[in-house]
Protein backbone atom coordinates (compact mmCIF):
# COMPACT_ATOMS: atom_id res chain seq x y z
CA MET A 1 0.05 0.01 0.37
CA LYS A 2 3.09 2.38 0.59
CA ASN A 3 4.43 1.48 -2.85
CA THR A 4 0.60 2.05 -4.36
CA ARG A 5 0.70 5.63 -2.64
CA HIS A 6 3.80 6.58 -3.68
CA SER A 7 3.38 5.65 -6.76
CA PHE A 8 0.03 7.59 -6.98
CA ASP A 9 1.74 10.20 -5.76
CA VAL A 10 4.36 10.74 -8.10
CA GLY A 11 2.14 10.40 -10.77
CA THR A 12 0.18 12.66 -10.26
CA ARG A 13 2.48 15.37 -10.35
CA ASP A 14 4.10 14.25 -12.98
CA LEU A 15 0.67 14.36 -14.68
CA ALA A 16 0.18 17.85 -13.65
CA HIS A 17 3.95 19.48 -14.52
CA ARG A 18 2.66 17.65 -18.06
CA VAL A 19 -0.54 19.14 -17.89
CA GLY A 20 1.26 22.68 -17.55
CA GLY A 21 3.77 22.18 -20.08
CA ILE A 22 1.15 21.61 -22.62
CA ALA A 23 -0.56 24.57 -21.97
CA ALA A 24 2.19 26.91 -21.75
CA GLU A 25 3.06 25.34 -25.16
CA ALA A 26 -0.83 26.13 -26.63
CA ARG A 27 0.10 29.47 -25.00
CA HIS A 28 3.19 30.22 -26.97
CA LEU A 29 1.15 29.48 -30.23
CA PHE A 30 -0.33 32.73 -30.31
CA ASP A 31 2.99 34.82 -29.36
CA ASP A 32 5.49 36.11 -31.65
CA GLY A 33 8.26 33.96 -30.22
CA GLU A 34 9.61 37.69 -29.49
CA CYS A 35 12.59 37.25 -26.86
CA ASP A 36 16.18 39.09 -26.28
CA ASP A 37 19.20 37.19 -27.36
CA GLY A 38 20.51 35.87 -24.08
CA VAL A 39 16.89 33.50 -23.76
CA LEU A 40 16.87 32.94 -27.31
CA GLU A 41 20.99 31.25 -26.99
CA GLU A 42 19.93 29.18 -23.73
CA ARG A 43 17.18 27.73 -26.01
CA VAL A 44 19.73 27.10 -28.51
CA ARG A 45 21.95 25.10 -25.71
CA ALA A 46 19.20 23.12 -24.43
CA CYS A 47 18.10 22.02 -27.63
CA LEU A 48 22.04 21.11 -28.30
CA GLY A 49 21.76 19.27 -24.91
CA ARG A 50 19.20 16.62 -26.74
CA ALA A 51 20.47 16.30 -30.68
CA VAL A 52 24.06 15.94 -30.19
CA SER A 53 26.80 13.55 -28.50
CA HIS A 54 28.98 16.70 -28.05
CA PRO A 55 27.11 20.06 -27.44
CA GLY A 56 30.54 21.64 -26.19
CA ALA A 57 31.96 21.32 -29.38
CA ILE A 58 29.32 24.36 -31.14
CA GLU A 59 29.67 27.82 -30.54
CA VAL A 60 25.84 29.48 -30.69
CA GLU A 61 25.62 32.96 -31.49
CA THR A 62 22.34 35.57 -31.33
CA SER A 63 21.83 38.69 -32.83
CA GLY A 64 18.11 40.01 -33.09
CA GLY A 65 16.83 36.53 -33.86
CA ARG A 66 19.98 35.03 -36.19
CA ILE A 67 21.85 31.78 -35.32
CA VAL A 68 24.81 31.77 -35.54
CA LEU A 69 26.61 27.90 -34.99
CA LYS A 70 30.32 27.48 -35.24
CA GLY A 71 32.44 23.95 -34.45
CA ASP A 72 32.33 20.56 -35.41
CA VAL A 73 29.97 18.00 -35.46
CA LEU A 74 29.25 14.38 -36.50
CA ALA A 75 28.02 13.77 -40.14
CA HIS A 76 24.68 11.24 -38.59
CA GLU A 77 23.94 14.25 -36.17
CA TYR A 78 24.17 17.42 -38.36
CA PRO A 79 20.62 16.58 -39.79
CA ARG A 80 18.98 16.24 -36.11
CA LEU A 81 20.66 19.29 -35.12
CA MET A 82 19.62 21.37 -37.23
CA ASP A 83 15.99 20.76 -37.45
CA CYS A 84 15.95 20.70 -33.75
CA VAL A 85 17.97 24.25 -34.18
CA ARG A 86 15.34 25.67 -36.86
CA ALA A 87 12.36 24.50 -34.99
CA VAL A 88 13.60 26.89 -31.68
CA ARG A 89 11.21 29.25 -31.00
CA GLY A 90 12.14 32.62 -31.55
CA ALA A 91 14.72 31.73 -34.40
CA LYS A 92 14.67 33.79 -37.43
CA SER A 93 17.22 32.20 -39.25
CA VAL A 94 20.20 30.16 -39.07
CA ASP A 95 23.73 30.87 -40.45
CA ASP A 96 25.33 26.95 -40.35
CA ARG A 97 29.24 27.65 -40.12
CA LEU A 98 29.82 24.09 -38.68
CA GLY A 99 32.74 21.82 -39.62
CA VAL A 100 30.55 18.28 -40.26
CA HIS A 101 32.57 15.26 -39.90
CA ALA A 102 31.88 11.09 -40.72
CA GLU A 103 33.94 10.28 -38.19
CA ALA A 104 35.54 11.79 -34.72
CA ARG A 105 38.60 10.72 -35.34
CA GLY A 106 41.30 12.85 -35.33
CA VAL A 107 38.70 15.78 -34.22
CA PRO A 108 39.50 16.52 -30.49
CA ALA A 109 36.72 17.98 -29.53
CA LEU A 110 34.73 14.82 -31.06
CA GLN A 111 35.97 12.90 -28.50
CA GLY A 112 34.26 10.79 -26.20
CA GLY A 113 30.69 11.92 -25.71
CA ARG A 114 27.41 10.77 -24.77
CA PRO A 115 25.57 9.56 -27.87
CA ARG A 116 21.75 10.63 -27.99
CA SER A 117 18.91 7.90 -28.89
CA VAL A 118 15.93 9.14 -30.98
CA ARG A 119 13.02 10.68 -28.93
CA ARG A 120 9.85 8.03 -29.00
CA ILE A 121 6.44 7.96 -27.53
CA ASP A 122 6.31 6.89 -23.73
CA LEU A 123 4.22 3.85 -24.85
CA LEU A 124 7.30 2.72 -27.17
CA GLN A 125 9.92 3.07 -24.51
CA GLU A 126 10.78 0.15 -21.51
CA SER A 127 10.23 2.52 -19.16
CA TRP A 128 7.29 4.51 -18.79
CA SER A 129 7.28 8.03 -17.39
CA PRO A 130 5.06 7.73 -13.88
CA ALA A 131 1.95 9.98 -15.67
CA THR A 132 1.75 7.64 -18.03
CA ARG A 133 1.96 4.75 -15.62
CA LEU A 134 -1.08 6.28 -13.70
CA LEU A 135 -2.99 7.31 -17.08
CA ILE A 136 -2.70 3.40 -18.28
CA THR A 137 -3.69 1.76 -15.15
CA GLY A 138 -6.76 3.65 -14.98
CA ALA A 139 -7.68 2.84 -18.66
CA GLY A 140 -7.03 -0.68 -17.43
CA GLY A 141 -8.97 -1.13 -14.63
CA ALA A 142 -11.62 0.69 -16.29
CA LEU A 143 -11.19 -1.95 -19.14
CA ALA A 144 -11.39 -4.84 -17.10
CA LEU A 145 -14.97 -3.40 -15.29
CA THR A 146 -16.38 -2.38 -18.55
CA GLY A 147 -15.36 -6.20 -19.63
CA LEU A 148 -16.97 -7.69 -16.53
CA ARG A 149 -19.90 -6.06 -17.09
CA ARG A 150 -20.50 -6.90 -21.00
CA GLY A 151 -19.90 -10.65 -20.69
CA GLY A 152 -18.85 -12.90 -23.18
CA ALA A 153 -15.99 -13.35 -25.76
CA LEU A 154 -15.42 -9.40 -26.17
CA GLY A 155 -16.21 -8.94 -22.08
CA THR A 156 -13.41 -11.57 -21.33
CA LEU A 157 -11.17 -9.73 -24.33
CA GLY A 158 -11.66 -6.42 -22.30
CA VAL A 159 -10.66 -7.68 -18.93
CA VAL A 160 -7.49 -9.96 -20.34
CA SER A 161 -6.19 -6.59 -22.26
CA GLY A 162 -6.75 -4.41 -19.13
CA VAL A 163 -5.33 -6.91 -16.47
CA LEU A 164 -2.36 -6.59 -19.05
CA ALA A 165 -2.44 -3.02 -18.55
CA ILE A 166 -2.38 -2.99 -15.27
CA VAL A 167 0.61 -5.44 -14.80
CA ARG A 168 2.46 -3.52 -17.58
CA SER A 169 1.70 -0.24 -16.04
CA THR A 170 2.36 -1.25 -12.28
CA SER A 171 5.08 -3.13 -12.52
CA ASN A 172 7.00 -0.75 -15.53
CA ILE A 173 8.39 -4.05 -17.05
CA PRO A 174 7.73 -4.60 -20.76
CA LEU A 175 5.06 -7.73 -21.21
CA ARG A 176 7.87 -9.40 -23.16
CA ARG A 177 9.93 -9.56 -20.26
CA LEU A 178 7.33 -9.98 -17.82
CA ALA A 179 6.40 -13.22 -19.89
CA GLY A 180 9.54 -14.28 -19.80
CA GLY A 181 10.87 -13.78 -23.38
CA ALA A 182 13.78 -11.56 -22.50
CA GLY A 183 16.45 -13.84 -22.29
CA ARG A 184 18.51 -13.40 -18.93
CA ARG A 185 16.61 -9.91 -18.39
CA ALA A 186 13.47 -10.10 -16.75
CA VAL A 187 14.45 -9.16 -13.53
CA GLU A 188 17.54 -6.86 -12.47
CA VAL A 189 18.84 -6.80 -8.90
CA ARG A 190 22.02 -4.91 -7.79
CA LYS A 191 23.15 -5.63 -3.59
CA THR A 192 26.26 -3.74 -2.20
CA ILE A 193 27.45 -4.47 0.89
CA GLN A 194 31.05 -3.24 3.09
CA ILE A 195 33.23 -6.34 4.32
CA ASP A 196 35.75 -5.60 7.15
CA ALA A 197 38.07 -7.81 5.50
CA PRO A 198 40.75 -6.58 2.07
CA PRO A 199 39.93 -7.35 -0.74
CA GLU A 200 42.07 -10.09 -1.29
CA GLN A 201 40.58 -11.97 1.03
CA VAL A 202 37.13 -11.61 0.08
CA PHE A 203 38.05 -12.20 -3.50
CA GLN A 204 39.56 -15.31 -2.35
CA THR A 205 36.76 -16.81 -0.66
CA LEU A 206 34.30 -15.77 -3.78
CA SER A 207 35.95 -17.37 -6.47
CA ARG A 208 36.01 -20.76 -4.46
CA PHE A 209 32.57 -21.68 -5.94
CA GLU A 210 32.95 -25.37 -4.86
CA ASP A 211 33.14 -23.70 -1.25
CA TYR A 212 29.60 -21.94 -1.87
CA PRO A 213 27.65 -24.48 0.34
CA SER A 214 30.10 -24.17 3.16
CA PHE A 215 28.31 -20.82 3.51
CA MET A 216 25.27 -20.52 2.04
CA HIS A 217 22.17 -22.00 2.61
CA ASN A 218 20.19 -22.40 -0.54
CA VAL A 219 23.55 -23.66 -2.68
CA ARG A 220 23.52 -27.45 -2.18
CA GLY A 221 26.10 -28.45 -4.27
CA VAL A 222 28.96 -27.21 -7.49
CA ARG A 223 30.98 -29.18 -9.48
CA LEU A 224 33.50 -27.80 -10.93
CA LEU A 225 34.03 -28.29 -15.21
CA ALA A 226 36.56 -27.41 -17.67
CA GLN A 227 36.82 -24.06 -19.67
CA GLY A 228 35.81 -22.37 -16.57
CA ARG A 229 32.66 -23.47 -16.27
CA SER A 230 30.55 -25.12 -13.36
CA HIS A 231 27.41 -27.17 -12.54
CA TRP A 232 25.36 -25.43 -10.03
CA THR A 233 22.08 -27.82 -7.47
CA ALA A 234 20.22 -25.30 -5.53
CA VAL A 235 16.89 -25.27 -3.63
CA GLY A 236 14.15 -23.05 -5.64
CA PRO A 237 10.52 -22.41 -4.36
CA ALA A 238 8.57 -25.12 -2.60
CA GLY A 239 11.90 -27.07 -1.51
CA LEU A 240 12.41 -27.80 -5.61
CA ALA A 241 15.97 -28.71 -6.61
CA VAL A 242 16.93 -26.52 -9.19
CA ASP A 243 20.08 -27.17 -11.71
CA TRP A 244 22.64 -24.87 -14.01
CA ASP A 245 25.66 -24.73 -15.61
CA ALA A 246 27.26 -21.57 -15.52
CA GLU A 247 30.53 -19.58 -17.16
CA VAL A 248 32.70 -17.28 -16.15
CA SER A 249 32.61 -14.52 -18.12
CA ALA A 250 35.65 -12.05 -17.07
CA LEU A 251 38.06 -12.93 -14.38
CA GLU A 252 40.20 -10.26 -12.85
CA PRO A 253 41.67 -10.81 -9.65
CA ASN A 254 40.94 -8.87 -6.66
CA ARG A 255 38.98 -6.94 -8.34
CA LEU A 256 35.57 -8.57 -10.08
CA ILE A 257 34.21 -12.08 -11.06
CA ALA A 258 31.43 -12.18 -13.96
CA TRP A 259 29.54 -14.97 -15.19
CA ARG A 260 26.38 -16.09 -17.08
CA THR A 261 24.78 -19.46 -17.60
CA LEU A 262 24.78 -21.39 -20.37
CA ARG A 263 21.51 -21.97 -22.51
CA ASN A 264 20.43 -25.47 -21.78
CA SER A 265 19.69 -23.89 -18.36
CA GLN A 266 16.93 -24.14 -16.22
CA VAL A 267 17.35 -20.54 -14.77
CA GLN A 268 18.76 -18.20 -17.37
CA HIS A 269 20.81 -15.55 -15.34
CA ALA A 270 23.93 -13.41 -15.54
CA GLY A 271 26.18 -11.14 -13.28
CA ILE A 272 28.82 -9.57 -11.73
CA MET A 273 30.81 -9.13 -8.48
CA ARG A 274 33.01 -6.14 -7.88
CA PHE A 275 35.43 -5.72 -4.96
CA GLU A 276 36.31 -2.19 -3.77
CA PRO A 277 38.71 -0.87 -1.04
CA ALA A 278 36.71 0.80 0.95
CA ASN A 279 37.00 2.45 4.64
CA GLY A 280 40.00 -0.33 5.48
CA GLY A 281 37.70 -3.13 3.84
CA THR A 282 35.88 -4.37 0.97
CA ARG A 283 32.65 -2.45 -0.71
CA LEU A 284 31.09 -5.71 -2.63
CA ASP A 285 28.87 -4.86 -5.13
CA ILE A 286 26.41 -7.05 -7.11
CA ARG A 287 24.71 -6.76 -10.55
CA MET A 288 22.84 -9.79 -11.17
CA SER A 289 19.80 -10.23 -14.12
CA TYR A 290 17.84 -13.61 -14.08
CA ASN A 291 14.96 -14.83 -16.12
CA PRO A 292 12.69 -17.80 -14.05
CA PRO A 293 10.26 -19.53 -15.22
CA GLY A 294 7.26 -17.09 -16.26
CA GLY A 295 9.46 -14.60 -16.28
CA ALA A 296 8.85 -11.78 -13.82
CA LEU A 297 5.14 -12.86 -13.29
CA GLY A 298 7.27 -16.21 -12.12
CA HIS A 299 9.58 -14.08 -10.01
CA ILE A 300 6.85 -12.38 -8.19
CA VAL A 301 4.97 -15.97 -7.03
CA ALA A 302 8.51 -16.38 -5.77
CA ARG A 303 8.71 -14.01 -3.86
CA LEU A 304 5.66 -14.90 -2.48
CA PHE A 305 7.27 -17.60 -0.98
CA ALA A 306 10.48 -15.51 -0.18
CA SER A 307 12.23 -17.40 -2.90
CA ASP A 308 13.34 -14.98 -5.05
CA PRO A 309 17.02 -14.05 -5.80
CA LYS A 310 16.39 -10.83 -4.27
CA THR A 311 15.59 -11.93 -1.02
CA LEU A 312 17.64 -14.95 -0.71
CA LEU A 313 20.75 -12.41 -1.86
CA ASP A 314 20.60 -10.44 1.16
CA ALA A 315 20.53 -13.25 3.57
CA ALA A 316 23.35 -14.62 1.59
CA LEU A 317 25.91 -10.97 1.68
CA VAL A 318 24.54 -11.46 5.32
CA ARG A 319 26.21 -14.90 5.70
CA VAL A 320 29.34 -13.84 3.28
CA LYS A 321 29.73 -10.99 5.41
CA THR A 322 29.80 -13.33 8.81
CA TYR A 323 31.29 -16.20 7.08
CA ILE A 324 34.76 -13.81 6.16
CA GLU A 325 34.73 -11.58 8.91
CA THR A 326 34.77 -14.11 12.27
CA GLY A 327 35.81 -17.61 9.69
CA ARG A 328 32.79 -19.25 11.12
CA ALA A 329 29.97 -20.99 9.18
CA PRO A 330 26.61 -20.13 9.43
CA ARG A 331 24.56 -22.83 11.42
CA ASP A 332 22.20 -23.31 8.54
CA ALA A 333 24.82 -23.90 5.50
CA ALA A 334 24.13 -26.66 3.13
CA ARG A 335 26.74 -28.02 4.07
CA ARG A 336 28.65 -28.01 7.46
CA SER A 337 32.77 -28.12 7.33
CA THR A 338 35.21 -30.47 9.26
CA TRP A 339 35.75 -28.10 11.51
CA GLY A 340 32.16 -26.48 11.94
CA ALA A 341 30.67 -30.53 12.42
CA HIS A 342 32.89 -31.45 14.89
CA GLY A 343 33.47 -28.38 16.77
CA THR A 344 37.41 -29.81 17.73
CA LYS A 345 39.90 -27.69 15.09
CA ALA A 346 40.49 -24.10 14.16
CA PRO A 347 38.64 -22.45 11.67
CA PRO A 348 40.53 -22.12 8.12
CA THR A 349 42.45 -19.10 8.23
CA LEU A 350 40.91 -16.58 5.37
CA GLY A 351 43.99 -14.73 5.14
CA PRO A 352 45.44 -12.51 1.87
CA ALA A 353 45.61 -14.89 -0.86
CA GLU A 354 49.08 -15.48 -2.24
CA PRO A 355 48.99 -14.50 -5.93
CA ASP A 356 49.60 -18.24 -7.02
CA GLU A 357 46.58 -19.12 -4.80
CA VAL A 358 44.15 -17.53 -6.79
CA ARG A 359 43.01 -20.17 -9.04
CA PRO A 360 41.01 -20.33 -12.06
CA LEU A 361 37.37 -21.18 -12.11
CA HIS A 362 38.06 -24.39 -14.07
């Protein structure tokens, strides 16, 4: 309910701002657009930021409604730039003195930069604005209610369409991802935790995949294969066993580990762990995307049973932190270590690894 109220508040504010913007644009249709040179120059600069990847490479001069453009621009961005500048309100003429380049090589002003994407209407984008989500949710609810009252085949179609519209807008996830048709990207997760141990020690522990059952609850077994691949067995929703094969896609000792599942895996996922020195310890940052059976809708069902990766990852990171900082395996680990089972041996030393101890993950 808290999330619903927050979404409604944000959506209503966004909608009010957009209505105000439309009203302002409508009022400007009836004026002559006259403005001083300073205002016109700022309008043009705002236009540059939306049209080209290197707005700083272009100089703008204005005088009595006349706009002078100097500098460098990439050839594929030039038409969009000129259309944008000519459409600026208050512009009477455009003096083009630009240098147009097919590529950025050899032009210092065009190095780096961030490419600008073509603006599309909200409904064609992957992520919708709060106002659009609010309107579509309302329209979907009205369509579903109308379908219920009407009955029959058309009524059923209206109910289904309305429910799909509500699910799409409230989750802000494309239907393709909701249904599991987005490869490994149906659900995305990011978690960060501070561990009071050096990056070398944290990396050494987490790079040994075969030891994960010693401090993880839901990972029951990891078998290392050839060429950086491994076979995993874990416990999923309702205690069902889930298996997958994964491979290491990138590995930089003491810095990062990246992985992805193979195509024959039951649950497609990929991710990266980054190890960064911070405050005398390590900031462990994990980004993961996965596609459960049923897509994002399957993730919602799993979350009801506290078996989704977001919930499990929270608990797993606490176990990892405790295991590394204290050397004691959790009591609910899937596989208790020898010293943990008998209680007679000292905990294993998890000190910093020597260079030759950092083993490839295969």
